[in-house]
């Protein structure tokens, strides 16, 4: 979300969409994703993207991001006095998630 597709895969970093896809997909597909992560194999990017999309893990990731943003917004609203700074921080919680939708 908000990054170049494949950057984390190329660096061998398992991201939430990749982790969630592995949790949801059959063993064969999980193995393909694991292999791509371990090797930083961008030649498999189209396959990995298709698996991530098919698994519904992008929607799951967006929902988790929205949940965390709302939790942050509520914390900001309750912990900080009313000010332009609080309003700006609160707005950032919405922008951070919406910019990628």
N, C-alpha and C. Protein backbone atom coordinates (compact mmCIF):
# COMPACT_ATOMS: atom_id res chain seq x y z
N UNK A 1 0.84 -1.18 0.00
CA UNK A 1 0.00 0.00 0.00
C UNK A 1 0.88 1.24 0.00
N UNK A 2 0.82 1.98 -1.10
CA UNK A 2 1.57 3.22 -1.16
C UNK A 2 3.03 3.06 -1.49
N UNK A 3 3.44 1.86 -1.84
CA UNK A 3 4.84 1.61 -2.15
C UNK A 3 4.92 1.02 -3.55
N UNK A 4 6.14 1.00 -4.08
CA UNK A 4 6.33 0.34 -5.37
C UNK A 4 6.07 -1.15 -5.21
N UNK A 5 5.27 -1.69 -6.09
CA UNK A 5 4.96 -3.11 -6.04
C UNK A 5 6.25 -3.90 -6.20
N UNK A 6 6.50 -4.79 -5.28
CA UNK A 6 7.66 -5.66 -5.38
C UNK A 6 8.86 -5.22 -4.57
N UNK A 7 8.88 -3.98 -4.04
CA UNK A 7 10.04 -3.52 -3.28
C UNK A 7 10.33 -4.44 -2.09
N UNK A 8 9.31 -4.70 -1.27
CA UNK A 8 9.52 -5.55 -0.10
C UNK A 8 9.80 -6.98 -0.51
N UNK A 9 9.17 -7.44 -1.56
CA UNK A 9 9.42 -8.79 -2.05
C UNK A 9 10.87 -8.93 -2.49
N UNK A 10 11.37 -7.95 -3.22
CA UNK A 10 12.76 -7.98 -3.69
C UNK A 10 13.75 -7.99 -2.53
N UNK A 11 13.36 -7.36 -1.43
CA UNK A 11 14.22 -7.31 -0.24
C UNK A 11 13.99 -8.49 0.70
N UNK A 12 13.08 -9.38 0.32
CA UNK A 12 12.81 -10.55 1.15
C UNK A 12 12.04 -10.23 2.42
N UNK A 13 11.26 -9.15 2.40
CA UNK A 13 10.48 -8.74 3.57
C UNK A 13 9.04 -9.24 3.44
N UNK A 14 8.61 -10.06 4.38
CA UNK A 14 7.20 -10.47 4.35
C UNK A 14 6.33 -9.34 4.89
N UNK A 15 5.41 -8.86 4.09
CA UNK A 15 4.50 -7.79 4.49
C UNK A 15 3.16 -8.40 4.88
N UNK A 16 2.29 -7.59 5.49
CA UNK A 16 1.00 -8.11 5.93
C UNK A 16 0.21 -8.74 4.79
N UNK A 17 0.13 -8.13 3.59
CA UNK A 17 -0.61 -8.81 2.53
C UNK A 17 -0.01 -10.18 2.18
N UNK A 18 1.30 -10.30 2.19
CA UNK A 18 1.93 -11.59 1.90
C UNK A 18 1.69 -12.60 3.01
N UNK A 19 1.79 -12.14 4.25
CA UNK A 19 1.56 -13.02 5.40
C UNK A 19 0.12 -13.52 5.40
N UNK A 20 -0.82 -12.60 5.19
CA UNK A 20 -2.23 -12.97 5.21
C UNK A 20 -2.58 -13.88 4.04
N UNK A 21 -1.99 -13.63 2.88
CA UNK A 21 -2.23 -14.50 1.72
C UNK A 21 -1.77 -15.91 2.04
N UNK A 22 -0.63 -16.04 2.69
CA UNK A 22 -0.12 -17.37 3.05
C UNK A 22 -1.06 -18.06 4.05
N UNK A 23 -1.67 -17.30 4.91
CA UNK A 23 -2.60 -17.88 5.88
C UNK A 23 -3.86 -18.39 5.19
N UNK A 24 -4.27 -17.73 4.11
CA UNK A 24 -5.54 -18.04 3.46
C UNK A 24 -5.45 -19.03 2.31
N UNK A 25 -4.30 -19.15 1.71
CA UNK A 25 -4.16 -19.93 0.48
C UNK A 25 -3.79 -21.39 0.75
N UNK A 26 -4.01 -22.25 -0.24
CA UNK A 26 -3.59 -23.65 -0.11
C UNK A 26 -2.06 -23.76 -0.07
N UNK A 27 -1.59 -24.89 0.40
CA UNK A 27 -0.15 -25.12 0.63
C UNK A 27 0.69 -24.81 -0.61
N UNK A 28 0.28 -25.25 -1.77
CA UNK A 28 1.07 -25.02 -2.99
C UNK A 28 1.30 -23.54 -3.23
N UNK A 29 0.25 -22.74 -3.08
CA UNK A 29 0.36 -21.29 -3.29
C UNK A 29 1.19 -20.64 -2.19
N UNK A 30 1.03 -21.12 -0.95
CA UNK A 30 1.86 -20.60 0.15
C UNK A 30 3.34 -20.83 -0.14
N UNK A 31 3.65 -22.01 -0.66
CA UNK A 31 5.04 -22.32 -0.98
C UNK A 31 5.60 -21.39 -2.06
N UNK A 32 4.79 -21.05 -3.04
CA UNK A 32 5.24 -20.12 -4.08
C UNK A 32 5.57 -18.75 -3.49
N UNK A 33 4.72 -18.27 -2.60
CA UNK A 33 4.97 -16.97 -1.96
C UNK A 33 6.21 -17.04 -1.08
N UNK A 34 6.34 -18.09 -0.28
CA UNK A 34 7.53 -18.26 0.57
C UNK A 34 8.81 -18.26 -0.26
N UNK A 35 8.78 -18.98 -1.35
CA UNK A 35 9.95 -19.07 -2.24
C UNK A 35 10.29 -17.68 -2.79
N UNK A 36 9.29 -16.94 -3.22
CA UNK A 36 9.53 -15.60 -3.76
C UNK A 36 10.11 -14.68 -2.70
N UNK A 37 9.62 -14.78 -1.46
CA UNK A 37 10.14 -13.94 -0.37
C UNK A 37 11.58 -14.32 -0.06
N UNK A 38 11.85 -15.61 0.10
CA UNK A 38 13.20 -16.06 0.45
C UNK A 38 14.24 -15.66 -0.59
N UNK A 39 13.85 -15.77 -1.85
CA UNK A 39 14.80 -15.49 -2.93
C UNK A 39 14.78 -14.03 -3.37
N UNK A 40 13.79 -13.26 -2.92
CA UNK A 40 13.64 -11.90 -3.45
C UNK A 40 13.41 -11.97 -4.95
N UNK A 41 12.62 -12.95 -5.35
CA UNK A 41 12.46 -13.31 -6.75
C UNK A 41 11.38 -12.47 -7.44
N UNK A 42 11.79 -11.41 -8.12
CA UNK A 42 10.83 -10.55 -8.81
C UNK A 42 10.30 -11.17 -10.10
N UNK A 43 10.91 -12.25 -10.56
CA UNK A 43 10.38 -12.91 -11.75
C UNK A 43 9.02 -13.53 -11.46
N UNK A 44 8.70 -13.69 -10.17
CA UNK A 44 7.43 -14.28 -9.76
C UNK A 44 6.41 -13.21 -9.34
N UNK A 45 6.73 -11.95 -9.56
CA UNK A 45 5.89 -10.87 -9.04
C UNK A 45 4.45 -10.96 -9.53
N UNK A 46 4.25 -11.25 -10.81
CA UNK A 46 2.88 -11.32 -11.33
C UNK A 46 2.09 -12.45 -10.67
N UNK A 47 2.74 -13.58 -10.46
CA UNK A 47 2.09 -14.71 -9.80
C UNK A 47 1.76 -14.36 -8.35
N UNK A 48 2.71 -13.77 -7.66
CA UNK A 48 2.50 -13.40 -6.25
C UNK A 48 1.37 -12.38 -6.14
N UNK A 49 1.37 -11.38 -7.00
CA UNK A 49 0.32 -10.37 -6.97
C UNK A 49 -1.06 -10.99 -7.21
N UNK A 50 -1.13 -11.90 -8.14
CA UNK A 50 -2.40 -12.57 -8.43
C UNK A 50 -2.86 -13.37 -7.21
N UNK A 51 -1.94 -14.05 -6.56
CA UNK A 51 -2.30 -14.84 -5.37
C UNK A 51 -2.76 -13.93 -4.23
N UNK A 52 -2.06 -12.83 -4.04
CA UNK A 52 -2.43 -11.88 -2.99
C UNK A 52 -3.82 -11.31 -3.26
N UNK A 53 -4.07 -10.94 -4.50
CA UNK A 53 -5.38 -10.39 -4.84
C UNK A 53 -6.48 -11.45 -4.69
N UNK A 54 -6.22 -12.63 -5.19
CA UNK A 54 -7.22 -13.70 -5.13
C UNK A 54 -7.55 -14.10 -3.69
N UNK A 55 -6.57 -14.02 -2.81
CA UNK A 55 -6.77 -14.45 -1.42
C UNK A 55 -7.61 -13.48 -0.61
N UNK A 56 -7.76 -12.25 -1.10
CA UNK A 56 -8.49 -11.25 -0.33
C UNK A 56 -7.63 -10.56 0.72
N UNK A 57 -6.34 -10.81 0.70
CA UNK A 57 -5.48 -10.24 1.73
C UNK A 57 -5.25 -8.74 1.57
N UNK A 58 -5.45 -8.20 0.37
CA UNK A 58 -5.35 -6.74 0.22
C UNK A 58 -6.50 -6.05 0.95
N UNK A 59 -7.70 -6.60 0.80
CA UNK A 59 -8.85 -6.05 1.53
C UNK A 59 -8.65 -6.18 3.03
N UNK A 60 -8.16 -7.33 3.46
CA UNK A 60 -7.87 -7.55 4.88
C UNK A 60 -6.88 -6.50 5.39
N UNK A 61 -5.83 -6.25 4.61
CA UNK A 61 -4.81 -5.28 5.01
C UNK A 61 -5.40 -3.88 5.11
N UNK A 62 -6.22 -3.52 4.15
CA UNK A 62 -6.87 -2.21 4.18
C UNK A 62 -7.78 -2.09 5.40
N UNK A 63 -8.49 -3.14 5.73
CA UNK A 63 -9.36 -3.12 6.91
C UNK A 63 -8.54 -2.96 8.19
N UNK A 64 -7.42 -3.67 8.29
CA UNK A 64 -6.56 -3.53 9.48
C UNK A 64 -6.00 -2.11 9.56
N UNK A 65 -5.56 -1.57 8.44
CA UNK A 65 -5.03 -0.20 8.43
C UNK A 65 -6.10 0.79 8.87
N UNK A 66 -7.33 0.60 8.40
CA UNK A 66 -8.43 1.47 8.80
C UNK A 66 -8.71 1.36 10.29
N UNK A 67 -8.67 0.13 10.81
CA UNK A 67 -8.89 -0.08 12.25
C UNK A 67 -7.83 0.65 13.07
N UNK A 68 -6.57 0.50 12.70
CA UNK A 68 -5.49 1.15 13.43
C UNK A 68 -5.56 2.67 13.30
N UNK A 69 -5.93 3.16 12.14
CA UNK A 69 -6.06 4.60 11.95
C UNK A 69 -7.17 5.15 12.84
N UNK A 70 -8.28 4.43 12.92
CA UNK A 70 -9.39 4.88 13.77
C UNK A 70 -8.98 4.85 15.24
N UNK A 71 -8.27 3.83 15.64
CA UNK A 71 -7.78 3.75 17.02
C UNK A 71 -6.84 4.93 17.31
N UNK A 72 -5.97 5.23 16.38
CA UNK A 72 -5.05 6.37 16.55
C UNK A 72 -5.83 7.68 16.64
N UNK A 73 -6.84 7.84 15.77
CA UNK A 73 -7.64 9.06 15.78
C UNK A 73 -8.34 9.23 17.12
N UNK A 74 -8.92 8.16 17.64
CA UNK A 74 -9.61 8.24 18.93
C UNK A 74 -8.64 8.59 20.05
N UNK A 75 -7.44 8.02 20.00
CA UNK A 75 -6.43 8.31 21.02
C UNK A 75 -6.01 9.78 20.94
N UNK A 76 -5.79 10.26 19.74
CA UNK A 76 -5.42 11.67 19.55
C UNK A 76 -6.50 12.58 20.11
N UNK A 77 -7.76 12.28 19.75
CA UNK A 77 -8.88 13.12 20.17
C UNK A 77 -9.04 13.13 21.69
N UNK A 78 -8.77 12.00 22.34
CA UNK A 78 -8.97 11.94 23.79
C UNK A 78 -7.74 12.38 24.58
N UNK A 79 -6.56 12.30 23.98
CA UNK A 79 -5.34 12.59 24.73
C UNK A 79 -4.81 14.01 24.56
N UNK A 80 -5.19 14.67 23.49
CA UNK A 80 -4.64 16.00 23.22
C UNK A 80 -5.72 17.07 23.34
N UNK A 81 -5.33 18.23 23.82
CA UNK A 81 -6.31 19.31 23.88
C UNK A 81 -6.69 19.79 22.48
N UNK A 82 -7.88 20.34 22.38
CA UNK A 82 -8.35 20.86 21.10
C UNK A 82 -7.39 21.94 20.59
N UNK A 83 -6.88 21.74 19.39
CA UNK A 83 -5.95 22.70 18.79
C UNK A 83 -5.83 22.39 17.31
N UNK A 84 -5.23 23.28 16.56
CA UNK A 84 -4.99 22.99 15.14
C UNK A 84 -4.07 21.78 14.95
N UNK A 85 -3.17 21.57 15.92
CA UNK A 85 -2.23 20.44 15.83
C UNK A 85 -2.97 19.11 15.99
N UNK A 86 -3.89 19.08 16.95
CA UNK A 86 -4.69 17.87 17.14
C UNK A 86 -5.53 17.61 15.90
N UNK A 87 -6.12 18.65 15.35
CA UNK A 87 -6.94 18.50 14.14
C UNK A 87 -6.09 17.98 12.98
N UNK A 88 -4.87 18.48 12.85
CA UNK A 88 -3.99 18.03 11.77
C UNK A 88 -3.60 16.57 11.95
N UNK A 89 -3.25 16.17 13.17
CA UNK A 89 -2.92 14.77 13.43
C UNK A 89 -4.11 13.86 13.17
N UNK A 90 -5.26 14.30 13.60
CA UNK A 90 -6.48 13.52 13.37
C UNK A 90 -6.74 13.35 11.88
N UNK A 91 -6.56 14.42 11.12
CA UNK A 91 -6.75 14.35 9.67
C UNK A 91 -5.75 13.40 9.02
N UNK A 92 -4.54 13.38 9.53
CA UNK A 92 -3.52 12.47 8.97
C UNK A 92 -3.91 11.01 9.12
N UNK A 93 -4.62 10.68 10.19
CA UNK A 93 -5.03 9.28 10.36
C UNK A 93 -5.97 8.84 9.25
N UNK A 94 -6.80 9.77 8.78
CA UNK A 94 -7.72 9.45 7.68
C UNK A 94 -6.98 9.44 6.35
N UNK A 95 -6.11 10.40 6.15
CA UNK A 95 -5.38 10.53 4.89
C UNK A 95 -4.47 9.33 4.65
N UNK A 96 -3.84 8.86 5.71
CA UNK A 96 -2.88 7.75 5.59
C UNK A 96 -3.51 6.51 4.98
N UNK A 97 -4.76 6.26 5.30
CA UNK A 97 -5.44 5.09 4.77
C UNK A 97 -6.10 5.39 3.45
N UNK A 98 -6.75 6.52 3.32
CA UNK A 98 -7.52 6.86 2.12
C UNK A 98 -6.65 7.10 0.90
N UNK A 99 -5.41 7.50 1.06
CA UNK A 99 -4.56 7.83 -0.09
C UNK A 99 -4.29 6.62 -0.98
N UNK A 100 -4.51 5.43 -0.47
CA UNK A 100 -4.23 4.23 -1.24
C UNK A 100 -5.47 3.52 -1.71
N UNK A 101 -6.63 4.10 -1.50
CA UNK A 101 -7.86 3.43 -1.90
C UNK A 101 -8.24 3.82 -3.30
